[in-house]
Amino acid sequence: MSLVCSKKPVTIAVVTGDQYDREMLKAIPFLVVLAATVFAQDSAKDEAQIWNLEKAYWEYVKANDLEKYRALWHEDFVGWPFVSSAPVRKDHVTDWITTNMSRGVKLESFSIEQLAIQVIRDVAIVHYRIKMVWAGPGPTESNTEVLRATHTWLRTHGAWQIIGGMAAPVNAEGK
């Protein structure tokens, strides 16, 4: 079918219901693959961002930057640090750092063994082992610790913050 608008003919395709359904069915696998690819790219980007935040967490501990450290934590955080006999809220997340500082103990170095991460929309759960070398004023304050750590991150207003977590010493095999 052709229509004449001004001097150039315009072709209009007329698609019947059956043709439309077949064309849509052909497009669905392409759209699914496209959506999966975009989702995978976003997920990989989120995973990289979370691992970088975990590294920043420990860099803030090492630098004794309590302001940046506190900024990583969501206002509604609750978690169970390895040094505590009970879960704590955000107002106590720096207690272990200030206790170490008051004894003259400082994080000298650390290494993270990334074990697992799962990102689902605006929630990320990470599991890793962290080896920390502490330096203090005397030989009894200097030591090496290895912990298992889990953090749950929540994306709020485009920023990731820790909403929950737990840490525990490794087992006898160091795992």
N, C-alpha and C. Protein backbone atom coordinates (compact mmCIF):
# COMPACT_ATOMS: atom_id res chain seq x y z
N MET A 1 0.85 -1.15 0.00
CA MET A 1 0.00 0.00 0.00
C MET A 1 0.90 1.22 0.00
N SER A 2 0.57 2.21 -0.75
CA SER A 2 1.35 3.44 -0.80
C SER A 2 0.43 4.62 -0.58
N LEU A 3 0.94 5.60 0.11
CA LEU A 3 0.24 6.86 0.30
C LEU A 3 1.06 7.95 -0.33
N VAL A 4 0.42 8.93 -0.82
CA VAL A 4 1.16 10.04 -1.41
C VAL A 4 1.05 11.23 -0.47
N CYS A 5 2.17 11.61 0.06
CA CYS A 5 2.26 12.80 0.91
C CYS A 5 3.28 13.69 0.24
N SER A 6 2.92 14.83 -0.10
CA SER A 6 3.73 15.73 -0.91
C SER A 6 4.08 15.02 -2.20
N LYS A 7 5.37 14.98 -2.56
CA LYS A 7 5.73 14.42 -3.86
C LYS A 7 6.34 13.03 -3.76
N LYS A 8 6.73 12.57 -2.55
CA LYS A 8 7.40 11.28 -2.42
C LYS A 8 6.42 10.25 -1.87
N PRO A 9 6.36 9.07 -2.46
CA PRO A 9 5.48 8.04 -1.91
C PRO A 9 6.08 7.46 -0.63
N VAL A 10 5.22 7.12 0.32
CA VAL A 10 5.62 6.52 1.58
C VAL A 10 5.00 5.13 1.63
N THR A 11 5.81 4.14 1.96
CA THR A 11 5.32 2.77 2.05
C THR A 11 4.98 2.46 3.49
N ILE A 12 3.83 1.91 3.71
CA ILE A 12 3.39 1.53 5.04
C ILE A 12 3.20 0.02 5.03
N ALA A 13 3.82 -0.66 5.98
CA ALA A 13 3.67 -2.11 6.05
C ALA A 13 2.44 -2.42 6.89
N VAL A 14 1.65 -3.30 6.41
CA VAL A 14 0.48 -3.75 7.15
C VAL A 14 0.81 -5.15 7.65
N VAL A 15 0.78 -5.32 8.97
CA VAL A 15 1.12 -6.60 9.58
C VAL A 15 -0.15 -7.18 10.18
N THR A 16 -0.46 -8.39 9.81
CA THR A 16 -1.64 -9.04 10.37
C THR A 16 -1.31 -9.56 11.76
N GLY A 17 -2.31 -9.94 12.51
CA GLY A 17 -2.11 -10.45 13.87
C GLY A 17 -1.17 -11.63 13.92
N ASP A 18 -1.32 -12.60 13.00
CA ASP A 18 -0.46 -13.78 12.99
C ASP A 18 0.99 -13.41 12.70
N GLN A 19 1.19 -12.50 11.74
CA GLN A 19 2.55 -12.07 11.41
C GLN A 19 3.18 -11.35 12.60
N TYR A 20 2.39 -10.52 13.28
CA TYR A 20 2.89 -9.76 14.43
C TYR A 20 3.35 -10.73 15.51
N ASP A 21 2.55 -11.75 15.81
CA ASP A 21 2.89 -12.72 16.84
C ASP A 21 4.18 -13.46 16.49
N ARG A 22 4.34 -13.87 15.21
CA ARG A 22 5.56 -14.57 14.80
C ARG A 22 6.78 -13.66 14.95
N GLU A 23 6.63 -12.41 14.55
CA GLU A 23 7.77 -11.48 14.66
C GLU A 23 8.13 -11.22 16.12
N MET A 24 7.14 -11.11 16.97
CA MET A 24 7.40 -10.91 18.39
C MET A 24 8.09 -12.13 18.99
N LEU A 25 7.64 -13.32 18.61
CA LEU A 25 8.26 -14.54 19.12
C LEU A 25 9.72 -14.64 18.70
N LYS A 26 10.03 -14.18 17.49
CA LYS A 26 11.42 -14.18 17.04
C LYS A 26 12.26 -13.20 17.86
N ALA A 27 11.66 -12.11 18.30
CA ALA A 27 12.40 -11.07 19.02
C ALA A 27 12.63 -11.43 20.49
N ILE A 28 11.80 -12.27 21.07
CA ILE A 28 11.89 -12.57 22.50
C ILE A 28 13.24 -13.16 22.89
N PRO A 29 13.77 -14.20 22.21
CA PRO A 29 15.09 -14.72 22.62
C PRO A 29 16.18 -13.64 22.57
N PHE A 30 16.14 -12.80 21.56
CA PHE A 30 17.11 -11.72 21.47
C PHE A 30 16.99 -10.78 22.67
N LEU A 31 15.77 -10.42 23.03
CA LEU A 31 15.56 -9.52 24.16
C LEU A 31 15.98 -10.17 25.48
N VAL A 32 15.74 -11.46 25.63
CA VAL A 32 16.15 -12.18 26.83
C VAL A 32 17.67 -12.20 26.95
N VAL A 33 18.36 -12.51 25.85
CA VAL A 33 19.82 -12.51 25.86
C VAL A 33 20.36 -11.12 26.15
N LEU A 34 19.77 -10.12 25.54
CA LEU A 34 20.19 -8.74 25.78
C LEU A 34 20.01 -8.36 27.24
N ALA A 35 18.86 -8.68 27.83
CA ALA A 35 18.60 -8.37 29.23
C ALA A 35 19.56 -9.12 30.15
N ALA A 36 19.83 -10.39 29.85
CA ALA A 36 20.77 -11.18 30.66
C ALA A 36 22.17 -10.61 30.59
N THR A 37 22.57 -10.16 29.42
CA THR A 37 23.90 -9.57 29.25
C THR A 37 24.02 -8.28 30.05
N VAL A 38 23.01 -7.44 29.97
CA VAL A 38 23.02 -6.18 30.73
C VAL A 38 23.04 -6.48 32.22
N PHE A 39 22.21 -7.44 32.67
CA PHE A 39 22.17 -7.81 34.07
C PHE A 39 23.53 -8.34 34.53
N ALA A 40 24.15 -9.19 33.75
CA ALA A 40 25.46 -9.75 34.10
C ALA A 40 26.51 -8.66 34.20
N GLN A 41 26.47 -7.70 33.28
CA GLN A 41 27.43 -6.60 33.33
C GLN A 41 27.21 -5.76 34.58
N ASP A 42 25.94 -5.46 34.90
CA ASP A 42 25.63 -4.69 36.11
C ASP A 42 26.05 -5.46 37.36
N SER A 43 25.78 -6.76 37.38
CA SER A 43 26.15 -7.59 38.52
C SER A 43 27.66 -7.62 38.71
N ALA A 44 28.41 -7.79 37.63
CA ALA A 44 29.88 -7.81 37.72
C ALA A 44 30.39 -6.45 38.20
N LYS A 45 29.79 -5.39 37.73
CA LYS A 45 30.18 -4.04 38.18
C LYS A 45 29.90 -3.86 39.67
N ASP A 46 28.72 -4.32 40.11
CA ASP A 46 28.37 -4.25 41.53
C ASP A 46 29.33 -5.08 42.37
N GLU A 47 29.65 -6.29 41.91
CA GLU A 47 30.58 -7.15 42.65
C GLU A 47 31.94 -6.47 42.81
N ALA A 48 32.46 -5.90 41.74
CA ALA A 48 33.75 -5.20 41.81
C ALA A 48 33.67 -4.03 42.78
N GLN A 49 32.57 -3.32 42.74
CA GLN A 49 32.41 -2.17 43.64
C GLN A 49 32.38 -2.62 45.10
N ILE A 50 31.67 -3.70 45.38
CA ILE A 50 31.60 -4.21 46.76
C ILE A 50 32.97 -4.67 47.24
N TRP A 51 33.71 -5.41 46.41
CA TRP A 51 35.05 -5.85 46.83
C TRP A 51 35.94 -4.64 47.10
N ASN A 52 35.82 -3.61 46.29
CA ASN A 52 36.62 -2.40 46.51
C ASN A 52 36.23 -1.72 47.82
N LEU A 53 34.94 -1.76 48.16
CA LEU A 53 34.51 -1.19 49.43
C LEU A 53 35.03 -2.01 50.61
N GLU A 54 35.09 -3.33 50.45
CA GLU A 54 35.65 -4.17 51.52
C GLU A 54 37.14 -3.83 51.74
N LYS A 55 37.86 -3.63 50.65
CA LYS A 55 39.27 -3.25 50.77
C LYS A 55 39.39 -1.87 51.42
N ALA A 56 38.52 -0.95 51.03
CA ALA A 56 38.53 0.40 51.62
C ALA A 56 38.24 0.31 53.12
N TYR A 57 37.34 -0.55 53.51
CA TYR A 57 37.02 -0.78 54.92
C TYR A 57 38.30 -1.01 55.72
N TRP A 58 39.12 -1.94 55.23
CA TRP A 58 40.35 -2.29 55.96
C TRP A 58 41.41 -1.20 55.83
N GLU A 59 41.43 -0.48 54.72
CA GLU A 59 42.35 0.66 54.60
C GLU A 59 41.99 1.75 55.60
N TYR A 60 40.69 1.96 55.84
CA TYR A 60 40.26 2.95 56.83
C TYR A 60 40.67 2.51 58.23
N VAL A 61 40.56 1.20 58.52
CA VAL A 61 41.01 0.69 59.82
C VAL A 61 42.50 0.95 59.97
N LYS A 62 43.26 0.60 58.94
CA LYS A 62 44.71 0.78 58.96
C LYS A 62 45.11 2.24 59.15
N ALA A 63 44.39 3.15 58.50
CA ALA A 63 44.69 4.58 58.59
C ALA A 63 44.04 5.23 59.81
N ASN A 64 43.28 4.45 60.56
CA ASN A 64 42.54 4.96 61.71
C ASN A 64 41.61 6.12 61.31
N ASP A 65 40.99 5.98 60.15
CA ASP A 65 40.07 7.00 59.65
C ASP A 65 38.64 6.60 60.04
N LEU A 66 38.28 6.95 61.27
CA LEU A 66 36.99 6.52 61.81
C LEU A 66 35.81 7.17 61.08
N GLU A 67 35.97 8.37 60.57
CA GLU A 67 34.88 9.04 59.85
C GLU A 67 34.52 8.29 58.57
N LYS A 68 35.52 7.97 57.76
CA LYS A 68 35.25 7.22 56.53
C LYS A 68 34.77 5.81 56.85
N TYR A 69 35.33 5.22 57.89
CA TYR A 69 34.91 3.88 58.31
C TYR A 69 33.43 3.88 58.69
N ARG A 70 33.00 4.83 59.52
CA ARG A 70 31.59 4.92 59.94
C ARG A 70 30.66 5.14 58.75
N ALA A 71 31.13 5.86 57.74
CA ALA A 71 30.29 6.16 56.57
C ALA A 71 29.92 4.90 55.79
N LEU A 72 30.67 3.81 55.97
CA LEU A 72 30.37 2.55 55.28
C LEU A 72 29.15 1.84 55.87
N TRP A 73 28.72 2.24 57.05
CA TRP A 73 27.71 1.51 57.78
C TRP A 73 26.34 2.18 57.65
N HIS A 74 25.34 1.39 57.38
CA HIS A 74 23.95 1.84 57.30
C HIS A 74 23.45 2.20 58.70
N GLU A 75 22.57 3.18 58.79
CA GLU A 75 22.01 3.60 60.09
C GLU A 75 21.32 2.45 60.82
N ASP A 76 20.75 1.51 60.10
CA ASP A 76 20.01 0.40 60.70
C ASP A 76 20.86 -0.87 60.84
N PHE A 77 22.18 -0.73 60.77
CA PHE A 77 23.08 -1.87 60.88
C PHE A 77 22.89 -2.62 62.19
N VAL A 78 22.99 -3.94 62.11
CA VAL A 78 23.17 -4.79 63.27
C VAL A 78 24.07 -5.95 62.82
N GLY A 79 25.08 -6.25 63.63
CA GLY A 79 26.00 -7.32 63.28
C GLY A 79 26.72 -7.82 64.51
N TRP A 80 27.51 -8.87 64.29
CA TRP A 80 28.18 -9.53 65.41
C TRP A 80 29.68 -9.58 65.18
N PRO A 81 30.40 -8.58 65.71
CA PRO A 81 31.87 -8.59 65.57
C PRO A 81 32.49 -9.73 66.38
N PHE A 82 33.64 -10.20 65.95
CA PHE A 82 34.28 -11.31 66.65
C PHE A 82 34.72 -10.94 68.06
N VAL A 83 34.89 -9.65 68.35
CA VAL A 83 35.35 -9.22 69.67
C VAL A 83 34.20 -8.97 70.64
N SER A 84 32.98 -9.16 70.18
CA SER A 84 31.82 -8.86 71.01
C SER A 84 31.08 -10.13 71.40
N SER A 85 30.52 -10.14 72.62
CA SER A 85 29.75 -11.30 73.07
C SER A 85 28.30 -11.26 72.60
N ALA A 86 27.92 -10.13 71.98
CA ALA A 86 26.56 -9.97 71.49
C ALA A 86 26.57 -9.07 70.25
N PRO A 87 25.54 -9.12 69.45
CA PRO A 87 25.45 -8.23 68.28
C PRO A 87 25.46 -6.75 68.72
N VAL A 88 25.93 -5.89 67.81
CA VAL A 88 26.00 -4.45 68.09
C VAL A 88 25.31 -3.68 66.97
N ARG A 89 25.04 -2.42 67.23
CA ARG A 89 24.45 -1.50 66.26
C ARG A 89 25.53 -0.53 65.78
N LYS A 90 25.16 0.36 64.88
CA LYS A 90 26.13 1.27 64.26
C LYS A 90 26.91 2.09 65.28
N ASP A 91 26.26 2.48 66.37
CA ASP A 91 26.95 3.33 67.35
C ASP A 91 28.12 2.65 68.04
N HIS A 92 28.31 1.35 67.80
CA HIS A 92 29.43 0.63 68.43
C HIS A 92 30.40 0.01 67.41
N VAL A 93 30.26 0.35 66.13
CA VAL A 93 31.10 -0.31 65.12
C VAL A 93 32.58 0.06 65.23
N THR A 94 32.90 1.18 65.84
CA THR A 94 34.31 1.57 65.96
C THR A 94 34.92 1.21 67.31
N ASP A 95 34.14 0.61 68.20
CA ASP A 95 34.65 0.31 69.55
C ASP A 95 35.94 -0.50 69.51
N TRP A 96 35.99 -1.51 68.65
CA TRP A 96 37.18 -2.38 68.61
C TRP A 96 38.41 -1.62 68.13
N ILE A 97 38.21 -0.67 67.24
CA ILE A 97 39.33 0.12 66.72
C ILE A 97 39.86 1.05 67.82
N THR A 98 38.95 1.74 68.50
CA THR A 98 39.38 2.68 69.55
C THR A 98 39.99 1.94 70.73
N THR A 99 39.51 0.72 71.02
CA THR A 99 40.13 -0.09 72.08
C THR A 99 41.57 -0.43 71.72
N ASN A 100 41.78 -0.87 70.48
CA ASN A 100 43.14 -1.18 70.03
C ASN A 100 44.02 0.07 70.09
N MET A 101 43.51 1.18 69.61
CA MET A 101 44.29 2.44 69.61
C MET A 101 44.68 2.85 71.02
N SER A 102 43.76 2.70 71.97
CA SER A 102 44.06 3.10 73.35
C SER A 102 45.18 2.25 73.94
N ARG A 103 45.37 1.04 73.42
CA ARG A 103 46.47 0.17 73.87
C ARG A 103 47.73 0.37 73.02
N GLY A 104 47.66 1.24 72.03
CA GLY A 104 48.80 1.48 71.15
C GLY A 104 48.95 0.44 70.05
N VAL A 105 47.88 -0.30 69.77
CA VAL A 105 47.90 -1.35 68.76
C VAL A 105 47.32 -0.80 67.46
N LYS A 106 48.04 -1.05 66.35
CA LYS A 106 47.64 -0.52 65.05
C LYS A 106 47.70 -1.63 64.00
N LEU A 107 46.76 -1.57 63.05
CA LEU A 107 46.79 -2.53 61.95
C LEU A 107 47.96 -2.16 61.04
N GLU A 108 48.91 -3.06 60.93
CA GLU A 108 50.10 -2.82 60.12
C GLU A 108 49.88 -3.22 58.67
N SER A 109 49.24 -4.38 58.46
CA SER A 109 48.96 -4.84 57.10
C SER A 109 47.81 -5.85 57.14
N PHE A 110 47.26 -6.10 55.96
CA PHE A 110 46.17 -7.07 55.86
C PHE A 110 46.16 -7.65 54.45
N SER A 111 45.56 -8.83 54.33
CA SER A 111 45.31 -9.41 53.01
C SER A 111 43.95 -10.10 53.06
N ILE A 112 43.20 -9.93 51.97
CA ILE A 112 41.84 -10.47 51.89
C ILE A 112 41.82 -11.64 50.90
N GLU A 113 41.24 -12.75 51.33
CA GLU A 113 40.99 -13.88 50.46
C GLU A 113 39.50 -13.87 50.13
N GLN A 114 39.17 -13.43 48.95
CA GLN A 114 37.77 -13.32 48.54
C GLN A 114 37.23 -14.72 48.27
N LEU A 115 36.14 -15.06 48.95
CA LEU A 115 35.60 -16.41 48.83
C LEU A 115 34.30 -16.48 48.04
N ALA A 116 33.36 -15.59 48.32
CA ALA A 116 32.08 -15.63 47.60
C ALA A 116 31.39 -14.28 47.70
N ILE A 117 30.62 -13.99 46.67
CA ILE A 117 29.78 -12.80 46.67
C ILE A 117 28.51 -13.13 45.90
N GLN A 118 27.40 -12.59 46.38
CA GLN A 118 26.12 -12.74 45.70
C GLN A 118 25.45 -11.37 45.70
N VAL A 119 25.15 -10.86 44.51
CA VAL A 119 24.45 -9.59 44.39
C VAL A 119 23.07 -9.87 43.80
N ILE A 120 22.06 -9.45 44.51
CA ILE A 120 20.68 -9.55 44.03
C ILE A 120 20.07 -8.17 44.17
N ARG A 121 19.88 -7.53 43.03
CA ARG A 121 19.36 -6.17 42.96
C ARG A 121 20.15 -5.23 43.89
N ASP A 122 19.55 -4.82 45.01
CA ASP A 122 20.19 -3.83 45.89
C ASP A 122 20.77 -4.44 47.15
N VAL A 123 21.02 -5.75 47.14
CA VAL A 123 21.60 -6.44 48.29
C VAL A 123 22.81 -7.25 47.81
N ALA A 124 23.89 -7.16 48.55
CA ALA A 124 25.09 -7.95 48.25
C ALA A 124 25.56 -8.62 49.53
N ILE A 125 25.91 -9.89 49.42
CA ILE A 125 26.45 -10.64 50.56
C ILE A 125 27.84 -11.11 50.17
N VAL A 126 28.82 -10.79 51.01
CA VAL A 126 30.21 -11.18 50.72
C VAL A 126 30.76 -12.04 51.86
N HIS A 127 31.61 -12.98 51.47
CA HIS A 127 32.28 -13.85 52.43
C HIS A 127 33.76 -13.84 52.07
N TYR A 128 34.59 -13.67 53.08
CA TYR A 128 36.04 -13.68 52.82
C TYR A 128 36.79 -14.01 54.10
N ARG A 129 38.06 -14.34 53.93
CA ARG A 129 38.98 -14.47 55.06
C ARG A 129 39.90 -13.26 55.02
N ILE A 130 40.21 -12.77 56.19
CA ILE A 130 41.09 -11.60 56.30
C ILE A 130 42.24 -11.95 57.24
N LYS A 131 43.46 -11.73 56.76
CA LYS A 131 44.65 -11.92 57.59
C LYS A 131 45.14 -10.53 57.97
N MET A 132 45.24 -10.29 59.28
CA MET A 132 45.64 -8.98 59.78
C MET A 132 46.91 -9.10 60.61
N VAL A 133 47.83 -8.22 60.37
CA VAL A 133 49.06 -8.15 61.16
C VAL A 133 48.96 -6.88 62.00
N TRP A 134 48.97 -7.08 63.32
CA TRP A 134 48.84 -5.97 64.26
C TRP A 134 50.20 -5.66 64.88
N ALA A 135 50.49 -4.39 65.03
CA ALA A 135 51.74 -3.96 65.67
C ALA A 135 51.38 -3.15 66.90
N GLY A 136 52.07 -3.45 67.99
CA GLY A 136 51.82 -2.73 69.23
C GLY A 136 53.12 -2.30 69.88
N PRO A 137 53.00 -1.63 71.00
CA PRO A 137 54.20 -1.13 71.67
C PRO A 137 55.07 -2.23 72.26
N GLY A 138 54.48 -3.39 72.51
CA GLY A 138 55.25 -4.50 73.06
C GLY A 138 54.97 -5.78 72.32
N PRO A 139 55.76 -6.82 72.57
CA PRO A 139 55.60 -8.08 71.84
C PRO A 139 54.24 -8.74 72.07
N THR A 140 53.62 -8.53 73.22
CA THR A 140 52.33 -9.18 73.47
C THR A 140 51.20 -8.50 72.71
N GLU A 141 51.38 -7.26 72.32
CA GLU A 141 50.34 -6.55 71.56
C GLU A 141 50.47 -6.78 70.06
N SER A 142 51.61 -7.27 69.61
CA SER A 142 51.83 -7.53 68.19
C SER A 142 51.45 -8.98 67.90
N ASN A 143 50.61 -9.16 66.88
CA ASN A 143 50.21 -10.52 66.53
C ASN A 143 49.58 -10.54 65.14
N THR A 144 49.30 -11.76 64.69
CA THR A 144 48.62 -11.96 63.41
C THR A 144 47.32 -12.69 63.70
N GLU A 145 46.25 -12.19 63.10
CA GLU A 145 44.94 -12.81 63.25
C GLU A 145 44.38 -13.15 61.88
N VAL A 146 43.64 -14.24 61.81
CA VAL A 146 42.92 -14.58 60.58
C VAL A 146 41.47 -14.82 60.98
N LEU A 147 40.58 -14.13 60.28
CA LEU A 147 39.15 -14.23 60.57
C LEU A 147 38.36 -14.61 59.34
N ARG A 148 37.20 -15.19 59.57
CA ARG A 148 36.18 -15.37 58.54
C ARG A 148 35.22 -14.19 58.70
N ALA A 149 34.87 -13.55 57.61
CA ALA A 149 33.99 -12.39 57.68
C ALA A 149 32.87 -12.49 56.66
N THR A 150 31.72 -12.01 57.06
CA THR A 150 30.56 -11.90 56.19
C THR A 150 29.98 -10.51 56.37
N HIS A 151 29.74 -9.83 55.28
CA HIS A 151 29.03 -8.54 55.32
C HIS A 151 27.86 -8.59 54.35
N THR A 152 26.77 -8.00 54.76
CA THR A 152 25.63 -7.80 53.88
C THR A 152 25.55 -6.31 53.60
N TRP A 153 25.61 -5.98 52.32
CA TRP A 153 25.58 -4.59 51.87
C TRP A 153 24.21 -4.28 51.27
N LEU A 154 23.73 -3.08 51.51
CA LEU A 154 22.45 -2.62 50.97
C LEU A 154 22.70 -1.34 50.18
N ARG A 155 22.19 -1.33 48.95
CA ARG A 155 22.31 -0.12 48.13
C ARG A 155 21.12 0.79 48.47
N THR A 156 21.44 1.96 49.01
CA THR A 156 20.43 2.93 49.38
C THR A 156 20.78 4.26 48.72
N HIS A 157 19.87 4.79 47.95
CA HIS A 157 20.10 6.07 47.25
C HIS A 157 21.37 6.01 46.41
N GLY A 158 21.63 4.87 45.79
CA GLY A 158 22.77 4.71 44.89
C GLY A 158 24.09 4.40 45.56
N ALA A 159 24.13 4.34 46.90
CA ALA A 159 25.38 4.06 47.62
C ALA A 159 25.24 2.75 48.40
N TRP A 160 26.31 1.98 48.42
CA TRP A 160 26.33 0.72 49.17
C TRP A 160 26.77 0.99 50.60
N GLN A 161 26.04 0.38 51.57
CA GLN A 161 26.43 0.46 52.97
C GLN A 161 26.20 -0.90 53.63
N ILE A 162 26.97 -1.17 54.67
CA ILE A 162 26.86 -2.44 55.39
C ILE A 162 25.63 -2.39 56.29
N ILE A 163 24.74 -3.36 56.11
CA ILE A 163 23.51 -3.44 56.91
C ILE A 163 23.59 -4.57 57.94
N GLY A 164 24.49 -5.54 57.70
CA GLY A 164 24.65 -6.65 58.63
C GLY A 164 25.99 -7.32 58.42
N GLY A 165 26.43 -8.06 59.42
CA GLY A 165 27.70 -8.76 59.28
C GLY A 165 28.02 -9.62 60.48
N MET A 166 29.04 -10.44 60.30
CA MET A 166 29.52 -11.29 61.38
C MET A 166 30.94 -11.70 61.07
N ALA A 167 31.74 -11.83 62.11
CA ALA A 167 33.12 -12.29 61.94
C ALA A 167 33.42 -13.31 63.03
N ALA A 168 34.30 -14.25 62.70
CA ALA A 168 34.68 -15.30 63.63
C ALA A 168 36.09 -15.76 63.30
N PRO A 169 36.80 -16.27 64.30
CA PRO A 169 38.13 -16.82 64.03
C PRO A 169 38.03 -18.01 63.06
N VAL A 170 39.10 -18.25 62.34
CA VAL A 170 39.15 -19.42 61.46
C VAL A 170 39.23 -20.68 62.31
N ASN A 171 38.99 -21.82 61.69
CA ASN A 171 39.07 -23.09 62.42
C ASN A 171 40.54 -23.53 62.55
N ALA A 172 40.74 -24.72 63.11
CA ALA A 172 42.10 -25.23 63.37
C ALA A 172 42.93 -25.37 62.10
N GLU A 173 42.27 -25.60 60.96
CA GLU A 173 43.00 -25.70 59.68
C GLU A 173 43.21 -24.34 59.03
N GLY A 174 42.82 -23.27 59.70
CA GLY A 174 42.98 -21.94 59.11
C GLY A 174 41.91 -21.60 58.10
N LYS A 175 40.84 -22.31 58.09
CA LYS A 175 39.73 -22.07 57.14
C LYS A 175 38.54 -21.48 57.84
